[in-house]
């Protein structure tokens, strides 16, 4: 059975997050569970899926932020506690 993981991409700028999320969703079989406006232009998207897929999606997403905004953080939590 595949192990679950949670991935996060945080950017400064909504357009950058939308581009990153689009790339992440196209790169691997993951589900975007939502996003949160943190404040001051910072936004964070959350992804769920098996560990390898989430790692691939986060890698693809963070590489697409580019000139649209600023990547603040990208992280994968493998097998998070319930």
PDB file of N, CA and C in Angstrom:
ATOM      1  N   UNK A   1       0.839  -1.188   0.000  1.00  0.00           N
ATOM      2  CA  UNK A   1       0.000   0.000   0.000  1.00  0.00           C
ATOM      3  C   UNK A   1       0.877   1.242   0.000  1.00  0.00           C
ATOM      4  N   UNK A   2       0.546   2.213  -0.825  1.00  0.00           N
ATOM      5  CA  UNK A   2       1.333   3.446  -0.921  1.00  0.00           C
ATOM      6  C   UNK A   2       1.172   4.274   0.340  1.00  0.00           C
ATOM      7  N   UNK A   3       2.252   4.887   0.746  1.00  0.00           N
ATOM      8  CA  UNK A   3       2.216   5.715   1.942  1.00  0.00           C
ATOM      9  C   UNK A   3       1.839   7.133   1.565  1.00  0.00           C
ATOM     10  N   UNK A   4       1.052   7.751   2.391  1.00  0.00           N
ATOM     11  CA  UNK A   4       0.571   9.098   2.132  1.00  0.00           C
ATOM     12  C   UNK A   4       1.607  10.145   2.497  1.00  0.00           C
ATOM     13  N   UNK A   5       1.512  11.280   1.838  1.00  0.00           N
ATOM     14  CA  UNK A   5       2.372  12.420   2.128  1.00  0.00           C
ATOM     15  C   UNK A   5       1.571  13.700   1.909  1.00  0.00           C
ATOM     16  N   UNK A   6       2.033  14.765   2.537  1.00  0.00           N
ATOM     17  CA  UNK A   6       1.468  16.094   2.350  1.00  0.00           C
ATOM     18  C   UNK A   6       2.574  16.971   1.777  1.00  0.00           C
ATOM     19  N   UNK A   7       2.249  17.753   0.771  1.00  0.00           N
ATOM     20  CA  UNK A   7       3.210  18.681   0.193  1.00  0.00           C
ATOM     21  C   UNK A   7       2.679  20.094   0.279  1.00  0.00           C
ATOM     22  N   UNK A   8       3.592  21.055   0.444  1.00  0.00           N
ATOM     23  CA  UNK A   8       3.212  22.456   0.548  1.00  0.00           C
ATOM     24  C   UNK A   8       4.096  23.294  -0.359  1.00  0.00           C
ATOM     25  N   UNK A   9       3.492  24.247  -1.036  1.00  0.00           N
ATOM     26  CA  UNK A   9       4.229  25.240  -1.804  1.00  0.00           C
ATOM     27  C   UNK A   9       3.709  26.597  -1.358  1.00  0.00           C
ATOM     28  N   UNK A  10       4.615  27.451  -0.884  1.00  0.00           N
ATOM     29  CA  UNK A  10       4.242  28.797  -0.460  1.00  0.00           C
ATOM     30  C   UNK A  10       4.969  29.802  -1.344  1.00  0.00           C
ATOM     31  N   UNK A  11       4.213  30.776  -1.839  1.00  0.00           N
ATOM     32  CA  UNK A  11       4.788  31.801  -2.707  1.00  0.00           C
ATOM     33  C   UNK A  11       4.341  33.181  -2.246  1.00  0.00           C
ATOM     34  N   UNK A  12       5.031  34.179  -2.741  1.00  0.00           N
ATOM     35  CA  UNK A  12       4.552  35.551  -2.598  1.00  0.00           C
ATOM     36  C   UNK A  12       3.957  35.892  -3.945  1.00  0.00           C
ATOM     37  N   UNK A  13       2.648  35.990  -3.995  1.00  0.00           N
ATOM     38  CA  UNK A  13       1.937  36.275  -5.236  1.00  0.00           C
ATOM     39  C   UNK A  13       1.039  35.123  -5.641  1.00  0.00           C
ATOM     40  N   UNK A  14      -0.221  35.422  -5.877  1.00  0.00           N
ATOM     41  CA  UNK A  14      -1.199  34.402  -6.240  1.00  0.00           C
ATOM     42  C   UNK A  14      -0.936  33.818  -7.627  1.00  0.00           C
ATOM     43  N   UNK A  15      -0.533  34.650  -8.582  1.00  0.00           N
ATOM     44  CA  UNK A  15      -0.252  34.132  -9.938  1.00  0.00           C
ATOM     45  C   UNK A  15       0.856  33.083  -9.903  1.00  0.00           C
ATOM     46  N   UNK A  16       1.873  33.326  -9.096  1.00  0.00           N
ATOM     47  CA  UNK A  16       2.970  32.360  -8.971  1.00  0.00           C
ATOM     48  C   UNK A  16       2.460  31.047  -8.388  1.00  0.00           C
ATOM     49  N   UNK A  17       1.566  31.125  -7.411  1.00  0.00           N
ATOM     50  CA  UNK A  17       1.026  29.913  -6.804  1.00  0.00           C
ATOM     51  C   UNK A  17       0.155  29.144  -7.795  1.00  0.00           C
ATOM     52  N   UNK A  18      -0.634  29.849  -8.573  1.00  0.00           N
ATOM     53  CA  UNK A  18      -1.486  29.186  -9.561  1.00  0.00           C
ATOM     54  C   UNK A  18      -0.630  28.450 -10.585  1.00  0.00           C
ATOM     55  N   UNK A  19       0.428  29.080 -11.054  1.00  0.00           N
ATOM     56  CA  UNK A  19       1.343  28.434 -12.012  1.00  0.00           C
ATOM     57  C   UNK A  19       2.011  27.214 -11.385  1.00  0.00           C
ATOM     58  N   UNK A  20       2.465  27.348 -10.133  1.00  0.00           N
ATOM     59  CA  UNK A  20       3.115  26.236  -9.436  1.00  0.00           C
ATOM     60  C   UNK A  20       2.140  25.083  -9.222  1.00  0.00           C
ATOM     61  N   UNK A  21       0.911  25.396  -8.814  1.00  0.00           N
ATOM     62  CA  UNK A  21      -0.091  24.358  -8.578  1.00  0.00           C
ATOM     63  C   UNK A  21      -0.460  23.644  -9.878  1.00  0.00           C
ATOM     64  N   UNK A  22      -0.593  24.379 -10.959  1.00  0.00           N
ATOM     65  CA  UNK A  22      -0.899  23.778 -12.251  1.00  0.00           C
ATOM     66  C   UNK A  22       0.192  22.795 -12.660  1.00  0.00           C
ATOM     67  N   UNK A  23       1.434  23.202 -12.516  1.00  0.00           N
ATOM     68  CA  UNK A  23       2.556  22.318 -12.863  1.00  0.00           C
ATOM     69  C   UNK A  23       2.609  21.094 -11.956  1.00  0.00           C
ATOM     70  N   UNK A  24       2.370  21.298 -10.672  1.00  0.00           N
ATOM     71  CA  UNK A  24       2.395  20.189  -9.721  1.00  0.00           C
ATOM     72  C   UNK A  24       1.322  19.158 -10.050  1.00  0.00           C
ATOM     73  N   UNK A  25       0.125  19.629 -10.351  1.00  0.00           N
ATOM     74  CA  UNK A  25      -0.982  18.717 -10.648  1.00  0.00           C
ATOM     75  C   UNK A  25      -0.783  17.972 -11.962  1.00  0.00           C
ATOM     76  N   UNK A  26      -0.115  18.597 -12.918  1.00  0.00           N
ATOM     77  CA  UNK A  26       0.156  17.937 -14.194  1.00  0.00           C
ATOM     78  C   UNK A  26       1.324  16.967 -14.108  1.00  0.00           C
ATOM     79  N   UNK A  27       2.222  17.169 -13.145  1.00  0.00           N
ATOM     80  CA  UNK A  27       3.443  16.367 -13.054  1.00  0.00           C
ATOM     81  C   UNK A  27       3.229  15.004 -12.414  1.00  0.00           C
ATOM     82  N   UNK A  28       2.265  14.886 -11.522  1.00  0.00           N
ATOM     83  CA  UNK A  28       2.104  13.630 -10.783  1.00  0.00           C
ATOM     84  C   UNK A  28       0.654  13.447 -10.351  1.00  0.00           C
ATOM     85  N   UNK A  29       0.342  12.240  -9.937  1.00  0.00           N
ATOM     86  CA  UNK A  29      -1.006  11.900  -9.500  1.00  0.00           C
ATOM     87  C   UNK A  29      -1.194  12.322  -8.042  1.00  0.00           C
ATOM     88  N   UNK A  30      -1.469  13.616  -7.848  1.00  0.00           N
ATOM     89  CA  UNK A  30      -1.705  14.169  -6.518  1.00  0.00           C
ATOM     90  C   UNK A  30      -3.018  14.932  -6.525  1.00  0.00           C
ATOM     91  N   UNK A  31      -3.512  15.220  -5.343  1.00  0.00           N
ATOM     92  CA  UNK A  31      -4.731  16.003  -5.184  1.00  0.00           C
ATOM     93  C   UNK A  31      -4.381  17.287  -4.458  1.00  0.00           C
ATOM     94  N   UNK A  32      -4.851  18.407  -4.980  1.00  0.00           N
ATOM     95  CA  UNK A  32      -4.687  19.672  -4.273  1.00  0.00           C
ATOM     96  C   UNK A  32      -5.858  19.782  -3.306  1.00  0.00           C
ATOM     97  N   UNK A  33      -5.546  19.806  -2.024  1.00  0.00           N
ATOM     98  CA  UNK A  33      -6.604  19.817  -1.015  1.00  0.00           C
ATOM     99  C   UNK A  33      -7.049  21.217  -0.643  1.00  0.00           C
ATOM    100  N   UNK A  34      -6.322  22.228  -1.110  1.00  0.00           N
ATOM    101  CA  UNK A  34      -6.737  23.597  -0.847  1.00  0.00           C
ATOM    102  C   UNK A  34      -5.565  24.550  -0.855  1.00  0.00           C
ATOM    103  N   UNK A  35      -5.880  25.793  -0.552  1.00  0.00           N
ATOM    104  CA  UNK A  35      -4.842  26.800  -0.418  1.00  0.00           C
ATOM    105  C   UNK A  35      -5.264  27.778   0.669  1.00  0.00           C
ATOM    106  N   UNK A  36      -4.317  28.507   1.171  1.00  0.00           N
ATOM    107  CA  UNK A  36      -4.577  29.442   2.260  1.00  0.00           C
ATOM    108  C   UNK A  36      -3.863  30.757   1.965  1.00  0.00           C
ATOM    109  N   UNK A  37      -4.591  31.863   2.061  1.00  0.00           N
ATOM    110  CA  UNK A  37      -3.974  33.182   1.964  1.00  0.00           C
ATOM    111  C   UNK A  37      -3.411  33.510   3.347  1.00  0.00           C
ATOM    112  N   UNK A  38      -2.099  33.570   3.436  1.00  0.00           N
ATOM    113  CA  UNK A  38      -1.435  33.777   4.727  1.00  0.00           C
ATOM    114  C   UNK A  38      -1.474  35.250   5.109  1.00  0.00           C
ATOM    115  N   UNK A  39      -1.344  36.126   4.143  1.00  0.00           N
ATOM    116  CA  UNK A  39      -1.342  37.566   4.379  1.00  0.00           C
ATOM    117  C   UNK A  39      -0.137  38.206   3.731  1.00  0.00           C
ATOM    118  N   UNK A  40      -0.206  39.500   3.487  1.00  0.00           N
ATOM    119  CA  UNK A  40       0.869  40.274   2.858  1.00  0.00           C
ATOM    120  C   UNK A  40       1.298  39.691   1.510  1.00  0.00           C
ATOM    121  N   UNK A  41       0.361  39.090   0.794  1.00  0.00           N
ATOM    122  CA  UNK A  41       0.666  38.524  -0.517  1.00  0.00           C
ATOM    123  C   UNK A  41       1.163  37.097  -0.498  1.00  0.00           C
ATOM    124  N   UNK A  42       1.344  36.518   0.675  1.00  0.00           N
ATOM    125  CA  UNK A  42       1.817  35.145   0.792  1.00  0.00           C
ATOM    126  C   UNK A  42       0.629  34.188   0.706  1.00  0.00           C
ATOM    127  N   UNK A  43       0.778  33.143  -0.119  1.00  0.00           N
ATOM    128  CA  UNK A  43      -0.252  32.114  -0.260  1.00  0.00           C
ATOM    129  C   UNK A  43       0.414  30.744  -0.271  1.00  0.00           C
ATOM    130  N   UNK A  44      -0.295  29.749   0.248  1.00  0.00           N
ATOM    131  CA  UNK A  44       0.263  28.409   0.386  1.00  0.00           C
ATOM    132  C   UNK A  44      -0.752  27.393  -0.133  1.00  0.00           C
ATOM    133  N   UNK A  45      -0.295  26.465  -0.965  1.00  0.00           N
ATOM    134  CA  UNK A  45      -1.147  25.397  -1.499  1.00  0.00           C
ATOM    135  C   UNK A  45      -0.747  24.069  -0.870  1.00  0.00           C
ATOM    136  N   UNK A  46      -1.725  23.189  -0.692  1.00  0.00           N
ATOM    137  CA  UNK A  46      -1.522  21.900  -0.035  1.00  0.00           C
ATOM    138  C   UNK A  46      -1.873  20.771  -1.002  1.00  0.00           C
ATOM    139  N   UNK A  47      -1.020  19.755  -1.033  1.00  0.00           N
ATOM    140  CA  UNK A  47      -1.202  18.608  -1.923  1.00  0.00           C
ATOM    141  C   UNK A  47      -1.112  17.322  -1.118  1.00  0.00           C
ATOM    142  N   UNK A  48      -1.821  16.279  -1.596  1.00  0.00           N
ATOM    143  CA  UNK A  48      -1.807  14.988  -0.916  1.00  0.00           C
ATOM    144  C   UNK A  48      -1.697  13.885  -1.955  1.00  0.00           C
ATOM    145  N   UNK A  49      -1.002  12.826  -1.588  1.00  0.00           N
ATOM    146  CA  UNK A  49      -0.851  11.671  -2.458  1.00  0.00           C
ATOM    147  C   UNK A  49       0.216  10.763  -1.890  1.00  0.00           C
ATOM    148  N   UNK A  50       0.662   9.783  -2.691  1.00  0.00           N
ATOM    149  CA  UNK A  50       1.725   8.923  -2.177  1.00  0.00           C
ATOM    150  C   UNK A  50       3.043   9.704  -2.178  1.00  0.00           C
ATOM    151  N   UNK A  51       4.001   9.246  -1.400  1.00  0.00           N
ATOM    152  CA  UNK A  51       5.229   9.998  -1.130  1.00  0.00           C
ATOM    153  C   UNK A  51       5.963  10.373  -2.417  1.00  0.00           C
ATOM    154  N   UNK A  52       6.179   9.420  -3.303  1.00  0.00           N
ATOM    155  CA  UNK A  52       6.928   9.691  -4.531  1.00  0.00           C
ATOM    156  C   UNK A  52       6.201  10.701  -5.419  1.00  0.00           C
ATOM    157  N   UNK A  53       4.884  10.571  -5.523  1.00  0.00           N
ATOM    158  CA  UNK A  53       4.107  11.484  -6.363  1.00  0.00           C
ATOM    159  C   UNK A  53       4.131  12.901  -5.800  1.00  0.00           C
ATOM    160  N   UNK A  54       4.007  13.031  -4.496  1.00  0.00           N
ATOM    161  CA  UNK A  54       4.021  14.361  -3.886  1.00  0.00           C
ATOM    162  C   UNK A  54       5.397  15.007  -4.055  1.00  0.00           C
ATOM    163  N   UNK A  55       6.457  14.234  -3.868  1.00  0.00           N
ATOM    164  CA  UNK A  55       7.810  14.787  -4.067  1.00  0.00           C
ATOM    165  C   UNK A  55       7.985  15.273  -5.505  1.00  0.00           C
ATOM    166  N   UNK A  56       7.536  14.485  -6.480  1.00  0.00           N
ATOM    167  CA  UNK A  56       7.640  14.881  -7.879  1.00  0.00           C
ATOM    168  C   UNK A  56       6.807  16.128  -8.167  1.00  0.00           C
ATOM    169  N   UNK A  57       5.614  16.190  -7.614  1.00  0.00           N
ATOM    170  CA  UNK A  57       4.735  17.338  -7.836  1.00  0.00           C
ATOM    171  C   UNK A  57       5.317  18.613  -7.231  1.00  0.00           C
ATOM    172  N   UNK A  58       5.840  18.533  -6.028  1.00  0.00           N
ATOM    173  CA  UNK A  58       6.409  19.709  -5.369  1.00  0.00           C
ATOM    174  C   UNK A  58       7.652  20.184  -6.123  1.00  0.00           C
ATOM    175  N   UNK A  59       8.484  19.260  -6.564  1.00  0.00           N
ATOM    176  CA  UNK A  59       9.663  19.634  -7.358  1.00  0.00           C
ATOM    177  C   UNK A  59       9.253  20.361  -8.640  1.00  0.00           C
ATOM    178  N   UNK A  60       8.248  19.833  -9.325  1.00  0.00           N
ATOM    179  CA  UNK A  60       7.780  20.458 -10.563  1.00  0.00           C
ATOM    180  C   UNK A  60       7.158  21.824 -10.294  1.00  0.00           C
ATOM    181  N   UNK A  61       6.384  21.908  -9.241  1.00  0.00           N
ATOM    182  CA  UNK A  61       5.711  23.168  -8.913  1.00  0.00           C
ATOM    183  C   UNK A  61       6.673  24.273  -8.525  1.00  0.00           C
ATOM    184  N   UNK A  62       7.650  23.941  -7.703  1.00  0.00           N
ATOM    185  CA  UNK A  62       8.560  24.996  -7.253  1.00  0.00           C
ATOM    186  C   UNK A  62       9.447  25.501  -8.377  1.00  0.00           C
ATOM    187  N   UNK A  63       9.707  24.679  -9.373  1.00  0.00           N
ATOM    188  CA  UNK A  63      10.545  25.117 -10.488  1.00  0.00           C
ATOM    189  C   UNK A  63       9.802  26.071 -11.423  1.00  0.00           C
ATOM    190  N   UNK A  64       8.483  26.163 -11.326  1.00  0.00           N
ATOM    191  CA  UNK A  64       7.692  27.003 -12.216  1.00  0.00           C
ATOM    192  C   UNK A  64       7.369  28.389 -11.656  1.00  0.00           C
ATOM    193  N   UNK A  65       7.731  28.666 -10.426  1.00  0.00           N
ATOM    194  CA  UNK A  65       7.393  29.959  -9.832  1.00  0.00           C
ATOM    195  C   UNK A  65       8.068  31.079 -10.611  1.00  0.00           C
ATOM    196  N   UNK A  66       9.368  30.957 -10.860  1.00  0.00           N
ATOM    197  CA  UNK A  66      10.118  31.865 -11.730  1.00  0.00           C
ATOM    198  C   UNK A  66       9.885  33.338 -11.494  1.00  0.00           C
ATOM    199  N   UNK A  67       9.646  34.053 -12.567  1.00  0.00           N
ATOM    200  CA  UNK A  67       9.528  35.510 -12.503  1.00  0.00           C
ATOM    201  C   UNK A  67       8.128  35.978 -12.110  1.00  0.00           C
ATOM    202  N   UNK A  68       7.192  35.053 -11.924  1.00  0.00           N
ATOM    203  CA  UNK A  68       5.829  35.447 -11.560  1.00  0.00           C
ATOM    204  C   UNK A  68       5.711  35.886 -10.105  1.00  0.00           C
ATOM    205  N   UNK A  69       6.605  35.437  -9.277  1.00  0.00           N
ATOM    206  CA  UNK A  69       6.566  35.762  -7.863  1.00  0.00           C
ATOM    207  C   UNK A  69       7.807  35.225  -7.209  1.00  0.00           C
ATOM    208  N   UNK A  70       7.721  35.010  -5.919  1.00  0.00           N
ATOM    209  CA  UNK A  70       8.873  34.523  -5.162  1.00  0.00           C
ATOM    210  C   UNK A  70       8.490  33.238  -4.429  1.00  0.00           C
ATOM    211  N   UNK A  71       9.327  32.214  -4.583  1.00  0.00           N
ATOM    212  CA  UNK A  71       9.116  30.979  -3.841  1.00  0.00           C
ATOM    213  C   UNK A  71       9.553  31.216  -2.394  1.00  0.00           C
ATOM    214  N   UNK A  72       8.655  31.007  -1.471  1.00  0.00           N
ATOM    215  CA  UNK A  72       8.963  31.176  -0.053  1.00  0.00           C
ATOM    216  C   UNK A  72       9.372  29.838   0.554  1.00  0.00           C
ATOM    217  N   UNK A  73       8.598  28.790   0.262  1.00  0.00           N
ATOM    218  CA  UNK A  73       8.906  27.475   0.819  1.00  0.00           C
ATOM    219  C   UNK A  73       8.259  26.397  -0.033  1.00  0.00           C
ATOM    220  N   UNK A  74       8.901  25.230  -0.040  1.00  0.00           N
ATOM    221  CA  UNK A  74       8.344  24.027  -0.667  1.00  0.00           C
ATOM    222  C   UNK A  74       8.792  22.870   0.204  1.00  0.00           C
ATOM    223  N   UNK A  75       7.830  22.078   0.676  1.00  0.00           N
ATOM    224  CA  UNK A  75       8.188  21.030   1.640  1.00  0.00           C
ATOM    225  C   UNK A  75       7.267  19.836   1.478  1.00  0.00           C
ATOM    226  N   UNK A  76       7.813  18.650   1.748  1.00  0.00           N
ATOM    227  CA  UNK A  76       7.047  17.401   1.721  1.00  0.00           C
ATOM    228  C   UNK A  76       7.137  16.772   3.102  1.00  0.00           C
ATOM    229  N   UNK A  77       5.982  16.399   3.638  1.00  0.00           N
ATOM    230  CA  UNK A  77       5.920  15.680   4.914  1.00  0.00           C
ATOM    231  C   UNK A  77       5.447  14.268   4.602  1.00  0.00           C
ATOM    232  N   UNK A  78       6.354  13.313   4.708  1.00  0.00           N
ATOM    233  CA  UNK A  78       6.016  11.912   4.442  1.00  0.00           C
ATOM    234  C   UNK A  78       5.366  11.300   5.680  1.00  0.00           C
ATOM    235  N   UNK A  79       4.336  10.518   5.453  1.00  0.00           N
ATOM    236  CA  UNK A  79       3.625   9.807   6.509  1.00  0.00           C
ATOM    237  C   UNK A  79       3.275  10.700   7.707  1.00  0.00           C
ATOM    238  N   UNK A  80       2.488  11.769   7.491  1.00  0.00           N
ATOM    239  CA  UNK A  80       2.151  12.662   8.611  1.00  0.00           C
ATOM    240  C   UNK A  80       1.295  11.947   9.646  1.00  0.00           C
ATOM    241  N   UNK A  81       1.421  12.358  10.865  1.00  0.00           N
ATOM    242  CA  UNK A  81       0.626  11.797  11.960  1.00  0.00           C
ATOM    243  C   UNK A  81      -0.845  12.152  11.763  1.00  0.00           C
ATOM    244  N   UNK A  82      -1.714  11.249  12.133  1.00  0.00           N
ATOM    245  CA  UNK A  82      -3.148  11.519  12.027  1.00  0.00           C
ATOM    246  C   UNK A  82      -3.513  12.658  12.921  1.00  0.00           C
TER     247      UNK A  82
END
